[in-house]
Amino acid sequence: MYFQNSLFNEECTYVSIAGQLLFIFDSLNGLTNNAITGLNAPTNTIIKCLNDNLLFLGVYYLSRIPPANGSEVE
């Protein structure tokens, strides 16, 4: 599936572990190029995790919707 970079990059990306919100990135680029957190990966990997509800780096949940009340990001 193809996404326009400009549209996708404007969406926030939320990173959580076991329902606990760890990071909020204001764009996809913020996550793909983040040396501070060490959560960097190719854009295609991140998009696949978001679209297929796969764990990012085998541990983190990614979502375009923030976790609600400590529940896991779906």
N, C-alpha and C. Protein backbone atom coordinates (compact mmCIF):
# COMPACT_ATOMS: atom_id res chain seq x y z
N MET A 1 0.84 -1.17 0.00
CA MET A 1 0.00 0.00 0.00
C MET A 1 0.89 1.23 0.00
N TYR A 2 0.55 2.22 -0.80
CA TYR A 2 1.35 3.43 -0.94
C TYR A 2 0.74 4.56 -0.10
N PHE A 3 1.60 5.29 0.59
CA PHE A 3 1.16 6.44 1.37
C PHE A 3 1.92 7.66 0.89
N GLN A 4 1.24 8.79 0.75
CA GLN A 4 1.93 10.03 0.43
C GLN A 4 2.74 10.42 1.66
N ASN A 5 4.02 10.66 1.48
CA ASN A 5 4.86 11.01 2.61
C ASN A 5 4.39 12.25 3.33
N SER A 6 3.98 13.29 2.60
CA SER A 6 3.58 14.53 3.25
C SER A 6 2.35 14.31 4.14
N LEU A 7 1.40 13.52 3.70
CA LEU A 7 0.21 13.25 4.50
C LEU A 7 0.55 12.39 5.70
N PHE A 8 1.31 11.31 5.48
CA PHE A 8 1.62 10.39 6.56
C PHE A 8 2.52 11.03 7.60
N ASN A 9 3.42 11.89 7.17
CA ASN A 9 4.35 12.52 8.09
C ASN A 9 3.68 13.51 9.02
N GLU A 10 2.47 13.94 8.70
CA GLU A 10 1.76 14.88 9.55
C GLU A 10 1.02 14.19 10.70
N GLU A 11 0.93 12.87 10.66
CA GLU A 11 0.22 12.13 11.70
C GLU A 11 1.13 11.81 12.87
N CYS A 12 0.60 11.96 14.08
CA CYS A 12 1.36 11.56 15.26
C CYS A 12 1.48 10.05 15.31
N THR A 13 2.57 9.58 15.86
CA THR A 13 2.78 8.16 16.08
C THR A 13 3.06 7.95 17.55
N TYR A 14 2.33 7.03 18.17
CA TYR A 14 2.46 6.76 19.60
C TYR A 14 3.18 5.43 19.79
N VAL A 15 4.09 5.39 20.75
CA VAL A 15 4.86 4.18 21.04
C VAL A 15 4.57 3.79 22.48
N SER A 16 4.17 2.54 22.68
CA SER A 16 3.87 2.07 24.04
C SER A 16 4.41 0.67 24.24
N ILE A 17 4.48 0.30 25.49
CA ILE A 17 4.88 -1.06 25.89
C ILE A 17 3.88 -1.48 26.95
N ALA A 18 3.23 -2.61 26.75
CA ALA A 18 2.25 -3.13 27.71
C ALA A 18 1.26 -2.05 28.15
N GLY A 19 0.80 -1.23 27.19
CA GLY A 19 -0.21 -0.23 27.49
C GLY A 19 0.31 1.07 28.09
N GLN A 20 1.60 1.14 28.37
CA GLN A 20 2.18 2.35 28.93
C GLN A 20 2.78 3.19 27.81
N LEU A 21 2.29 4.40 27.66
CA LEU A 21 2.78 5.29 26.63
C LEU A 21 4.21 5.70 26.94
N LEU A 22 5.11 5.49 25.98
CA LEU A 22 6.52 5.84 26.17
C LEU A 22 6.92 7.09 25.41
N PHE A 23 6.49 7.18 24.15
CA PHE A 23 6.89 8.28 23.29
C PHE A 23 5.73 8.70 22.42
N ILE A 24 5.72 9.98 22.09
CA ILE A 24 4.81 10.51 21.08
C ILE A 24 5.68 11.24 20.07
N PHE A 25 5.57 10.85 18.82
CA PHE A 25 6.30 11.52 17.75
C PHE A 25 5.31 12.30 16.92
N ASP A 26 5.66 13.53 16.58
CA ASP A 26 4.72 14.37 15.83
C ASP A 26 4.66 14.01 14.36
N SER A 27 5.51 13.11 13.92
CA SER A 27 5.49 12.68 12.53
C SER A 27 6.17 11.33 12.40
N LEU A 28 5.96 10.70 11.28
CA LEU A 28 6.66 9.45 10.99
C LEU A 28 8.16 9.69 10.92
N ASN A 29 8.56 10.81 10.35
CA ASN A 29 9.99 11.13 10.28
C ASN A 29 10.60 11.25 11.66
N GLY A 30 9.85 11.74 12.62
CA GLY A 30 10.36 11.85 13.98
C GLY A 30 10.75 10.49 14.54
N LEU A 31 10.01 9.47 14.19
CA LEU A 31 10.30 8.11 14.66
C LEU A 31 11.41 7.47 13.83
N THR A 32 11.39 7.66 12.53
CA THR A 32 12.39 6.99 11.69
C THR A 32 13.79 7.55 11.89
N ASN A 33 13.90 8.77 12.36
CA ASN A 33 15.21 9.41 12.48
C ASN A 33 15.53 9.80 13.92
N ASN A 34 15.07 9.05 14.90
CA ASN A 34 15.24 9.47 16.28
C ASN A 34 16.42 8.78 16.95
N ALA A 35 17.54 9.48 17.01
CA ALA A 35 18.74 8.93 17.64
C ALA A 35 18.65 8.99 19.16
N ILE A 36 17.88 9.91 19.70
CA ILE A 36 17.78 10.06 21.15
C ILE A 36 17.16 8.83 21.79
N THR A 37 16.07 8.33 21.23
CA THR A 37 15.39 7.17 21.81
C THR A 37 15.96 5.85 21.31
N GLY A 38 16.66 5.88 20.20
CA GLY A 38 17.17 4.64 19.60
C GLY A 38 16.09 3.89 18.84
N LEU A 39 14.91 4.47 18.73
CA LEU A 39 13.80 3.83 18.02
C LEU A 39 13.80 4.27 16.57
N ASN A 40 14.83 3.92 15.86
CA ASN A 40 14.85 4.28 14.46
C ASN A 40 14.82 3.02 13.61
N ALA A 41 14.14 3.12 12.51
CA ALA A 41 13.98 1.98 11.60
C ALA A 41 13.57 2.53 10.24
N PRO A 42 13.71 1.74 9.20
CA PRO A 42 13.26 2.19 7.89
C PRO A 42 11.76 2.49 7.90
N THR A 43 11.38 3.46 7.11
CA THR A 43 9.98 3.87 7.02
C THR A 43 9.07 2.70 6.68
N ASN A 44 9.48 1.85 5.76
CA ASN A 44 8.65 0.70 5.36
C ASN A 44 8.38 -0.23 6.54
N THR A 45 9.37 -0.42 7.41
CA THR A 45 9.19 -1.27 8.59
C THR A 45 8.16 -0.68 9.53
N ILE A 46 8.24 0.61 9.76
CA ILE A 46 7.31 1.28 10.66
C ILE A 46 5.89 1.24 10.10
N ILE A 47 5.75 1.51 8.81
CA ILE A 47 4.42 1.47 8.18
C ILE A 47 3.84 0.06 8.27
N LYS A 48 4.66 -0.96 8.05
CA LYS A 48 4.17 -2.35 8.15
C LYS A 48 3.69 -2.65 9.57
N CYS A 49 4.45 -2.22 10.58
CA CYS A 49 4.04 -2.43 11.97
C CYS A 49 2.72 -1.73 12.27
N LEU A 50 2.58 -0.51 11.78
CA LEU A 50 1.34 0.25 12.01
C LEU A 50 0.15 -0.41 11.32
N ASN A 51 0.32 -0.78 10.07
CA ASN A 51 -0.79 -1.33 9.28
C ASN A 51 -1.17 -2.75 9.67
N ASP A 52 -0.18 -3.56 10.04
CA ASP A 52 -0.44 -4.97 10.32
C ASP A 52 -0.49 -5.28 11.82
N ASN A 53 -0.43 -4.23 12.65
CA ASN A 53 -0.48 -4.38 14.11
C ASN A 53 0.60 -5.33 14.61
N LEU A 54 1.82 -5.15 14.08
CA LEU A 54 2.97 -5.96 14.49
C LEU A 54 3.78 -5.21 15.53
N LEU A 55 4.50 -5.92 16.37
CA LEU A 55 5.36 -5.27 17.34
C LEU A 55 6.55 -4.63 16.62
N PHE A 56 6.85 -3.42 17.00
CA PHE A 56 8.00 -2.71 16.46
C PHE A 56 9.24 -3.10 17.26
N LEU A 57 10.29 -3.51 16.59
CA LEU A 57 11.52 -4.01 17.22
C LEU A 57 11.24 -5.16 18.17
N GLY A 58 10.12 -5.87 17.95
CA GLY A 58 9.77 -7.03 18.75
C GLY A 58 9.24 -6.72 20.14
N VAL A 59 9.09 -5.44 20.48
CA VAL A 59 8.71 -5.07 21.85
C VAL A 59 7.64 -4.00 21.92
N TYR A 60 7.69 -3.02 21.04
CA TYR A 60 6.87 -1.81 21.15
C TYR A 60 5.62 -1.88 20.28
N TYR A 61 4.53 -1.33 20.80
CA TYR A 61 3.31 -1.17 20.03
C TYR A 61 3.35 0.22 19.40
N LEU A 62 3.02 0.31 18.12
CA LEU A 62 2.92 1.58 17.43
C LEU A 62 1.45 1.82 17.09
N SER A 63 1.05 3.06 17.16
CA SER A 63 -0.33 3.39 16.84
C SER A 63 -0.43 4.83 16.41
N ARG A 64 -1.47 5.12 15.65
CA ARG A 64 -1.79 6.51 15.31
C ARG A 64 -2.78 7.08 16.32
N ILE A 65 -3.22 6.23 17.25
CA ILE A 65 -4.19 6.62 18.29
C ILE A 65 -3.52 6.40 19.64
N PRO A 66 -3.56 7.39 20.54
CA PRO A 66 -2.91 7.20 21.85
C PRO A 66 -3.61 6.13 22.67
N PRO A 67 -2.86 5.43 23.52
CA PRO A 67 -3.50 4.44 24.40
C PRO A 67 -4.46 5.15 25.35
N ALA A 68 -5.59 4.53 25.58
CA ALA A 68 -6.61 5.13 26.45
C ALA A 68 -6.63 4.44 27.80
N ASN A 69 -6.52 5.20 28.85
CA ASN A 69 -6.63 4.67 30.22
C ASN A 69 -5.71 3.50 30.48
N GLY A 70 -4.50 3.54 29.95
CA GLY A 70 -3.53 2.49 30.24
C GLY A 70 -3.77 1.20 29.49
N SER A 71 -4.72 1.17 28.56
CA SER A 71 -4.96 -0.07 27.82
C SER A 71 -4.00 -0.15 26.65
N GLU A 72 -3.76 -1.34 26.16
CA GLU A 72 -2.84 -1.53 25.05
C GLU A 72 -3.34 -0.83 23.81
N VAL A 73 -2.40 -0.32 23.03
CA VAL A 73 -2.73 0.31 21.76
C VAL A 73 -3.13 -0.78 20.79
N GLU A 74 -4.25 -0.60 20.16
CA GLU A 74 -4.74 -1.58 19.18
C GLU A 74 -4.40 -1.11 17.79
